[in-house]
PDB file of N, CA and C in Angstrom:
ATOM      1  N   UNK A   1       0.846  -1.166   0.000  1.00  0.00           N
ATOM      2  CA  UNK A   1       0.000   0.000   0.000  1.00  0.00           C
ATOM      3  C   UNK A   1       0.899   1.239   0.000  1.00  0.00           C
ATOM      4  N   UNK A   2       0.596   2.183  -0.850  1.00  0.00           N
ATOM      5  CA  UNK A   2       1.385   3.414  -0.939  1.00  0.00           C
ATOM      6  C   UNK A   2       1.013   4.366   0.196  1.00  0.00           C
ATOM      7  N   UNK A   3       2.005   5.076   0.674  1.00  0.00           N
ATOM      8  CA  UNK A   3       1.744   6.069   1.711  1.00  0.00           C
ATOM      9  C   UNK A   3       1.131   7.300   1.080  1.00  0.00           C
ATOM     10  N   UNK A   4       0.188   7.865   1.794  1.00  0.00           N
ATOM     11  CA  UNK A   4      -0.458   9.071   1.303  1.00  0.00           C
ATOM     12  C   UNK A   4       0.246  10.264   1.939  1.00  0.00           C
ATOM     13  N   UNK A   5       0.766  11.149   1.098  1.00  0.00           N
ATOM     14  CA  UNK A   5       1.402  12.359   1.615  1.00  0.00           C
ATOM     15  C   UNK A   5       0.337  13.326   2.085  1.00  0.00           C
ATOM     16  N   UNK A   6       0.630  14.014   3.135  1.00  0.00           N
ATOM     17  CA  UNK A   6      -0.285  15.003   3.685  1.00  0.00           C
ATOM     18  C   UNK A   6       0.351  16.375   3.584  1.00  0.00           C
ATOM     19  N   UNK A   7      -0.458  17.366   3.451  1.00  0.00           N
ATOM     20  CA  UNK A   7       0.024  18.723   3.281  1.00  0.00           C
ATOM     21  C   UNK A   7       0.063  19.447   4.609  1.00  0.00           C
ATOM     22  N   UNK A   8       1.153  20.160   4.828  1.00  0.00           N
ATOM     23  CA  UNK A   8       1.306  21.007   6.003  1.00  0.00           C
ATOM     24  C   UNK A   8       1.823  22.348   5.500  1.00  0.00           C
ATOM     25  N   UNK A   9       1.085  23.389   5.731  1.00  0.00           N
ATOM     26  CA  UNK A   9       1.451  24.720   5.270  1.00  0.00           C
ATOM     27  C   UNK A   9       2.385  25.370   6.287  1.00  0.00           C
ATOM     28  N   UNK A  10       3.506  25.905   5.798  1.00  0.00           N
ATOM     29  CA  UNK A  10       4.417  26.625   6.677  1.00  0.00           C
ATOM     30  C   UNK A  10       4.615  28.033   6.131  1.00  0.00           C
ATOM     31  N   UNK A  11       4.937  28.938   7.020  1.00  0.00           N
ATOM     32  CA  UNK A  11       5.165  30.322   6.630  1.00  0.00           C
ATOM     33  C   UNK A  11       6.655  30.633   6.751  1.00  0.00           C
ATOM     34  N   UNK A  12       7.228  31.210   5.693  1.00  0.00           N
ATOM     35  CA  UNK A  12       8.645  31.544   5.677  1.00  0.00           C
ATOM     36  C   UNK A  12       8.805  33.058   5.599  1.00  0.00           C
ATOM     37  N   UNK A  13       9.844  33.542   6.241  1.00  0.00           N
ATOM     38  CA  UNK A  13      10.169  34.959   6.069  1.00  0.00           C
ATOM     39  C   UNK A  13      11.052  35.090   4.823  1.00  0.00           C
ATOM     40  N   UNK A  14      11.505  36.291   4.531  1.00  0.00           N
ATOM     41  CA  UNK A  14      12.282  36.495   3.300  1.00  0.00           C
ATOM     42  C   UNK A  14      13.561  35.676   3.287  1.00  0.00           C
ATOM     43  N   UNK A  15      14.234  35.610   4.410  1.00  0.00           N
ATOM     44  CA  UNK A  15      15.498  34.881   4.485  1.00  0.00           C
ATOM     45  C   UNK A  15      15.284  33.385   4.287  1.00  0.00           C
ATOM     46  N   UNK A  16      14.321  32.812   5.011  1.00  0.00           N
ATOM     47  CA  UNK A  16      14.096  31.367   4.883  1.00  0.00           C
ATOM     48  C   UNK A  16      13.494  31.027   3.519  1.00  0.00           C
ATOM     49  N   UNK A  17      12.760  31.955   2.935  1.00  0.00           N
ATOM     50  CA  UNK A  17      12.227  31.751   1.573  1.00  0.00           C
ATOM     51  C   UNK A  17      13.383  31.593   0.589  1.00  0.00           C
ATOM     52  N   UNK A  18      14.384  32.477   0.709  1.00  0.00           N
ATOM     53  CA  UNK A  18      15.549  32.404  -0.181  1.00  0.00           C
ATOM     54  C   UNK A  18      16.307  31.089   0.029  1.00  0.00           C
ATOM     55  N   UNK A  19      16.436  30.672   1.273  1.00  0.00           N
ATOM     56  CA  UNK A  19      17.105  29.403   1.554  1.00  0.00           C
ATOM     57  C   UNK A  19      16.322  28.227   0.981  1.00  0.00           C
ATOM     58  N   UNK A  20      15.015  28.267   1.102  1.00  0.00           N
ATOM     59  CA  UNK A  20      14.166  27.187   0.594  1.00  0.00           C
ATOM     60  C   UNK A  20      14.259  27.082  -0.924  1.00  0.00           C
ATOM     61  N   UNK A  21      14.381  28.217  -1.592  1.00  0.00           N
ATOM     62  CA  UNK A  21      14.489  28.206  -3.056  1.00  0.00           C
ATOM     63  C   UNK A  21      15.752  27.490  -3.530  1.00  0.00           C
ATOM     64  N   UNK A  22      16.778  27.470  -2.707  1.00  0.00           N
ATOM     65  CA  UNK A  22      18.047  26.828  -3.071  1.00  0.00           C
ATOM     66  C   UNK A  22      17.985  25.308  -2.961  1.00  0.00           C
ATOM     67  N   UNK A  23      16.973  24.790  -2.298  1.00  0.00           N
ATOM     68  CA  UNK A  23      16.817  23.339  -2.155  1.00  0.00           C
ATOM     69  C   UNK A  23      16.144  22.788  -3.406  1.00  0.00           C
ATOM     70  N   UNK A  24      16.716  21.725  -3.963  1.00  0.00           N
ATOM     71  CA  UNK A  24      16.104  21.133  -5.160  1.00  0.00           C
ATOM     72  C   UNK A  24      14.756  20.496  -4.835  1.00  0.00           C
ATOM     73  N   UNK A  25      14.606  19.969  -3.611  1.00  0.00           N
ATOM     74  CA  UNK A  25      13.337  19.383  -3.192  1.00  0.00           C
ATOM     75  C   UNK A  25      13.121  19.772  -1.730  1.00  0.00           C
ATOM     76  N   UNK A  26      12.549  20.933  -1.528  1.00  0.00           N
ATOM     77  CA  UNK A  26      12.377  21.479  -0.187  1.00  0.00           C
ATOM     78  C   UNK A  26      11.525  20.568   0.695  1.00  0.00           C
ATOM     79  N   UNK A  27      10.469  20.003   0.166  1.00  0.00           N
ATOM     80  CA  UNK A  27       9.602  19.122   0.952  1.00  0.00           C
ATOM     81  C   UNK A  27      10.362  17.902   1.460  1.00  0.00           C
ATOM     82  N   UNK A  28      11.157  17.314   0.586  1.00  0.00           N
ATOM     83  CA  UNK A  28      11.947  16.154   1.008  1.00  0.00           C
ATOM     84  C   UNK A  28      12.957  16.562   2.087  1.00  0.00           C
ATOM     85  N   UNK A  29      13.566  17.720   1.923  1.00  0.00           N
ATOM     86  CA  UNK A  29      14.524  18.212   2.895  1.00  0.00           C
ATOM     87  C   UNK A  29      13.860  18.397   4.266  1.00  0.00           C
ATOM     88  N   UNK A  30      12.669  18.978   4.272  1.00  0.00           N
ATOM     89  CA  UNK A  30      11.941  19.174   5.536  1.00  0.00           C
ATOM     90  C   UNK A  30      11.617  17.825   6.162  1.00  0.00           C
ATOM     91  N   UNK A  31      11.132  16.870   5.357  1.00  0.00           N
ATOM     92  CA  UNK A  31      10.827  15.537   5.899  1.00  0.00           C
ATOM     93  C   UNK A  31      12.067  14.897   6.517  1.00  0.00           C
ATOM     94  N   UNK A  32      13.203  15.015   5.837  1.00  0.00           N
ATOM     95  CA  UNK A  32      14.448  14.438   6.354  1.00  0.00           C
ATOM     96  C   UNK A  32      14.885  15.118   7.649  1.00  0.00           C
ATOM     97  N   UNK A  33      14.713  16.426   7.734  1.00  0.00           N
ATOM     98  CA  UNK A  33      15.065  17.146   8.958  1.00  0.00           C
ATOM     99  C   UNK A  33      14.190  16.692  10.125  1.00  0.00           C
ATOM    100  N   UNK A  34      12.917  16.511   9.860  1.00  0.00           N
ATOM    101  CA  UNK A  34      11.996  16.066  10.914  1.00  0.00           C
ATOM    102  C   UNK A  34      12.335  14.653  11.379  1.00  0.00           C
ATOM    103  N   UNK A  35      12.641  13.775  10.429  1.00  0.00           N
ATOM    104  CA  UNK A  35      13.027  12.399  10.797  1.00  0.00           C
ATOM    105  C   UNK A  35      14.324  12.398  11.597  1.00  0.00           C
ATOM    106  N   UNK A  36      15.258  13.240  11.197  1.00  0.00           N
ATOM    107  CA  UNK A  36      16.531  13.333  11.912  1.00  0.00           C
ATOM    108  C   UNK A  36      16.304  13.790  13.352  1.00  0.00           C
ATOM    109  N   UNK A  37      15.441  14.765  13.533  1.00  0.00           N
ATOM    110  CA  UNK A  37      15.110  15.244  14.878  1.00  0.00           C
ATOM    111  C   UNK A  37      14.462  14.145  15.702  1.00  0.00           C
ATOM    112  N   UNK A  38      13.549  13.404  15.070  1.00  0.00           N
ATOM    113  CA  UNK A  38      12.897  12.284  15.760  1.00  0.00           C
ATOM    114  C   UNK A  38      13.926  11.233  16.156  1.00  0.00           C
ATOM    115  N   UNK A  39      14.845  10.916  15.262  1.00  0.00           N
ATOM    116  CA  UNK A  39      15.837   9.880  15.536  1.00  0.00           C
ATOM    117  C   UNK A  39      16.775  10.274  16.662  1.00  0.00           C
ATOM    118  N   UNK A  40      17.087  11.541  16.795  1.00  0.00           N
ATOM    119  CA  UNK A  40      17.951  11.997  17.883  1.00  0.00           C
ATOM    120  C   UNK A  40      17.297  11.740  19.232  1.00  0.00           C
ATOM    121  N   UNK A  41      15.993  11.948  19.324  1.00  0.00           N
ATOM    122  CA  UNK A  41      15.319  11.746  20.598  1.00  0.00           C
ATOM    123  C   UNK A  41      15.115  10.268  20.889  1.00  0.00           C
ATOM    124  N   UNK A  42      15.031   9.447  19.855  1.00  0.00           N
ATOM    125  CA  UNK A  42      14.806   8.022  20.072  1.00  0.00           C
ATOM    126  C   UNK A  42      16.006   7.330  20.684  1.00  0.00           C
ATOM    127  N   UNK A  43      17.207   7.798  20.398  1.00  0.00           N
ATOM    128  CA  UNK A  43      18.391   7.112  20.897  1.00  0.00           C
ATOM    129  C   UNK A  43      18.944   7.747  22.167  1.00  0.00           C
ATOM    130  N   UNK A  44      18.190   8.595  22.797  1.00  0.00           N
ATOM    131  CA  UNK A  44      18.696   9.219  24.014  1.00  0.00           C
ATOM    132  C   UNK A  44      18.473   8.345  25.242  1.00  0.00           C
ATOM    133  N   UNK A  45      17.640   7.319  25.135  1.00  0.00           N
ATOM    134  CA  UNK A  45      17.376   6.434  26.268  1.00  0.00           C
ATOM    135  C   UNK A  45      17.759   5.001  25.896  1.00  0.00           C
ATOM    136  N   UNK A  46      18.210   4.258  26.872  1.00  0.00           N
ATOM    137  CA  UNK A  46      18.565   2.851  26.670  1.00  0.00           C
ATOM    138  C   UNK A  46      17.991   2.042  27.829  1.00  0.00           C
ATOM    139  N   UNK A  47      17.450   0.874  27.510  1.00  0.00           N
ATOM    140  CA  UNK A  47      16.841   0.015  28.525  1.00  0.00           C
ATOM    141  C   UNK A  47      17.808  -1.098  28.902  1.00  0.00           C
ATOM    142  N   UNK A  48      17.966  -1.298  30.209  1.00  0.00           N
ATOM    143  CA  UNK A  48      18.797  -2.382  30.723  1.00  0.00           C
ATOM    144  C   UNK A  48      18.026  -3.694  30.558  1.00  0.00           C
ATOM    145  N   UNK A  49      18.681  -4.689  29.986  1.00  0.00           N
ATOM    146  CA  UNK A  49      17.996  -5.967  29.759  1.00  0.00           C
ATOM    147  C   UNK A  49      17.898  -6.809  31.022  1.00  0.00           C
ATOM    148  N   UNK A  50      18.585  -6.405  32.097  1.00  0.00           N
ATOM    149  CA  UNK A  50      18.507  -7.145  33.351  1.00  0.00           C
ATOM    150  C   UNK A  50      17.430  -6.576  34.269  1.00  0.00           C
ATOM    151  N   UNK A  51      17.517  -5.286  34.550  1.00  0.00           N
ATOM    152  CA  UNK A  51      16.552  -4.711  35.490  1.00  0.00           C
ATOM    153  C   UNK A  51      15.358  -4.058  34.783  1.00  0.00           C
ATOM    154  N   UNK A  52      15.432  -3.954  33.463  1.00  0.00           N
ATOM    155  CA  UNK A  52      14.366  -3.401  32.616  1.00  0.00           C
ATOM    156  C   UNK A  52      14.076  -1.929  32.907  1.00  0.00           C
ATOM    157  N   UNK A  53      14.989  -1.235  33.553  1.00  0.00           N
ATOM    158  CA  UNK A  53      14.827   0.200  33.778  1.00  0.00           C
ATOM    159  C   UNK A  53      15.419   0.947  32.595  1.00  0.00           C
ATOM    160  N   UNK A  54      14.894   2.124  32.370  1.00  0.00           N
ATOM    161  CA  UNK A  54      15.364   2.939  31.267  1.00  0.00           C
ATOM    162  C   UNK A  54      16.234   4.077  31.805  1.00  0.00           C
ATOM    163  N   UNK A  55      17.349   4.326  31.150  1.00  0.00           N
ATOM    164  CA  UNK A  55      18.297   5.340  31.573  1.00  0.00           C
ATOM    165  C   UNK A  55      18.666   6.228  30.399  1.00  0.00           C
ATOM    166  N   UNK A  56      19.046   7.469  30.679  1.00  0.00           N
ATOM    167  CA  UNK A  56      19.589   8.293  29.596  1.00  0.00           C
ATOM    168  C   UNK A  56      20.806   7.577  29.007  1.00  0.00           C
ATOM    169  N   UNK A  57      20.908   7.585  27.700  1.00  0.00           N
ATOM    170  CA  UNK A  57      21.972   6.843  27.021  1.00  0.00           C
ATOM    171  C   UNK A  57      23.350   7.198  27.566  1.00  0.00           C
ATOM    172  N   UNK A  58      23.587   8.490  27.831  1.00  0.00           N
ATOM    173  CA  UNK A  58      24.915   8.916  28.289  1.00  0.00           C
ATOM    174  C   UNK A  58      25.248   8.358  29.667  1.00  0.00           C
ATOM    175  N   UNK A  59      24.246   8.019  30.486  1.00  0.00           N
ATOM    176  CA  UNK A  59      24.472   7.495  31.833  1.00  0.00           C
ATOM    177  C   UNK A  59      24.288   5.985  31.931  1.00  0.00           C
ATOM    178  N   UNK A  60      23.966   5.343  30.838  1.00  0.00           N
ATOM    179  CA  UNK A  60      23.571   3.936  30.887  1.00  0.00           C
ATOM    180  C   UNK A  60      24.640   3.046  31.512  1.00  0.00           C
ATOM    181  N   UNK A  61      25.867   3.211  31.099  1.00  0.00           N
ATOM    182  CA  UNK A  61      26.910   2.303  31.572  1.00  0.00           C
ATOM    183  C   UNK A  61      27.386   2.636  32.980  1.00  0.00           C
ATOM    184  N   UNK A  62      26.867   3.710  33.556  1.00  0.00           N
ATOM    185  CA  UNK A  62      27.202   4.059  34.932  1.00  0.00           C
ATOM    186  C   UNK A  62      26.233   3.427  35.928  1.00  0.00           C
ATOM    187  N   UNK A  63      25.099   2.948  35.455  1.00  0.00           N
ATOM    188  CA  UNK A  63      24.121   2.428  36.409  1.00  0.00           C
ATOM    189  C   UNK A  63      24.529   1.036  36.904  1.00  0.00           C
ATOM    190  N   UNK A  64      24.146   0.741  38.134  1.00  0.00           N
ATOM    191  CA  UNK A  64      24.419  -0.560  38.731  1.00  0.00           C
ATOM    192  C   UNK A  64      23.069  -1.181  39.046  1.00  0.00           C
ATOM    193  N   UNK A  65      22.786  -2.275  38.417  1.00  0.00           N
ATOM    194  CA  UNK A  65      21.508  -2.923  38.704  1.00  0.00           C
ATOM    195  C   UNK A  65      21.766  -4.263  39.377  1.00  0.00           C
ATOM    196  N   UNK A  66      21.024  -4.516  40.394  1.00  0.00           N
ATOM    197  CA  UNK A  66      21.119  -5.790  41.105  1.00  0.00           C
ATOM    198  C   UNK A  66      19.726  -6.405  41.111  1.00  0.00           C
ATOM    199  N   UNK A  67      19.646  -7.547  40.523  1.00  0.00           N
ATOM    200  CA  UNK A  67      18.407  -8.311  40.586  1.00  0.00           C
ATOM    201  C   UNK A  67      18.700  -9.534  41.450  1.00  0.00           C
ATOM    202  N   UNK A  68      17.693 -10.125  42.070  1.00  0.00           N
ATOM    203  CA  UNK A  68      17.960 -11.244  43.000  1.00  0.00           C
ATOM    204  C   UNK A  68      18.852 -12.329  42.426  1.00  0.00           C
ATOM    205  N   UNK A  69      18.653 -12.712  41.188  1.00  0.00           N
ATOM    206  CA  UNK A  69      19.471 -13.778  40.608  1.00  0.00           C
ATOM    207  C   UNK A  69      20.935 -13.358  40.503  1.00  0.00           C
ATOM    208  N   UNK A  70      21.174 -12.076  40.238  1.00  0.00           N
ATOM    209  CA  UNK A  70      22.544 -11.611  40.084  1.00  0.00           C
ATOM    210  C   UNK A  70      23.304 -11.670  41.402  1.00  0.00           C
ATOM    211  N   UNK A  71      22.623 -11.496  42.506  1.00  0.00           N
ATOM    212  CA  UNK A  71      23.281 -11.521  43.816  1.00  0.00           C
ATOM    213  C   UNK A  71      23.893 -12.894  44.089  1.00  0.00           C
ATOM    214  N   UNK A  72      23.337 -13.933  43.485  1.00  0.00           N
ATOM    215  CA  UNK A  72      23.831 -15.291  43.706  1.00  0.00           C
ATOM    216  C   UNK A  72      24.982 -15.650  42.775  1.00  0.00           C
ATOM    217  N   UNK A  73      25.198 -14.867  41.733  1.00  0.00           N
ATOM    218  CA  UNK A  73      26.256 -15.173  40.771  1.00  0.00           C
ATOM    219  C   UNK A  73      27.614 -14.912  41.408  1.00  0.00           C
ATOM    220  N   UNK A  74      28.555 -15.758  41.077  1.00  0.00           N
ATOM    221  CA  UNK A  74      29.925 -15.538  41.556  1.00  0.00           C
ATOM    222  C   UNK A  74      30.631 -14.647  40.545  1.00  0.00           C
ATOM    223  N   UNK A  75      30.771 -13.389  40.914  1.00  0.00           N
ATOM    224  CA  UNK A  75      31.411 -12.446  40.011  1.00  0.00           C
ATOM    225  C   UNK A  75      32.736 -11.951  40.593  1.00  0.00           C
ATOM    226  N   UNK A  76      33.288 -12.739  41.523  1.00  0.00           N
ATOM    227  CA  UNK A  76      34.561 -12.331  42.110  1.00  0.00           C
ATOM    228  C   UNK A  76      35.659 -12.490  41.074  1.00  0.00           C
ATOM    229  N   UNK A  77      36.696 -11.665  41.174  1.00  0.00           N
ATOM    230  CA  UNK A  77      37.781 -11.756  40.187  1.00  0.00           C
ATOM    231  C   UNK A  77      38.506 -13.093  40.288  1.00  0.00           C
ATOM    232  N   UNK A  78      38.968 -13.555  39.178  1.00  0.00           N
ATOM    233  CA  UNK A  78      39.707 -14.818  39.142  1.00  0.00           C
ATOM    234  C   UNK A  78      41.099 -14.570  39.712  1.00  0.00           C
ATOM    235  N   UNK A  79      41.476 -15.390  40.686  1.00  0.00           N
ATOM    236  CA  UNK A  79      42.790 -15.245  41.322  1.00  0.00           C
ATOM    237  C   UNK A  79      43.808 -16.116  40.564  1.00  0.00           C
ATOM    238  N   UNK A  80      44.869 -15.485  40.149  1.00  0.00           N
ATOM    239  CA  UNK A  80      45.955 -16.215  39.488  1.00  0.00           C
ATOM    240  C   UNK A  80      46.779 -16.923  40.568  1.00  0.00           C
ATOM    241  N   UNK A  81      47.169 -18.146  40.329  1.00  0.00           N
ATOM    242  CA  UNK A  81      47.990 -18.876  41.316  1.00  0.00           C
ATOM    243  C   UNK A  81      49.406 -18.958  40.848  1.00  0.00           C
TER     244      UNK A  81
END
C-alpha cells in the first residue's frame, strides 16, 4: 500500500524563503530534517535488559543494577595462582 502524503502549510520569512528556493526538493529536505530530529530523541534512552529500567543513554553504563538472581552469581575476580 502506498503512503499518502499530507500537506502542512508553513510560513517563511524572506530569508528562509531564499534558503528554501536553493533546495532542489524542499519538501523532502523538511521531511528528512523532521526524521533526523525524531531519531535523535529516540536514541537518548537505553533500557537495561537485566533490570528493565530505562536510563539516559549517556548514563547507561554508569548504572548498577542488582536483581535477586545476580546476587547469587559468583562475580569475584579470578585469582591467578
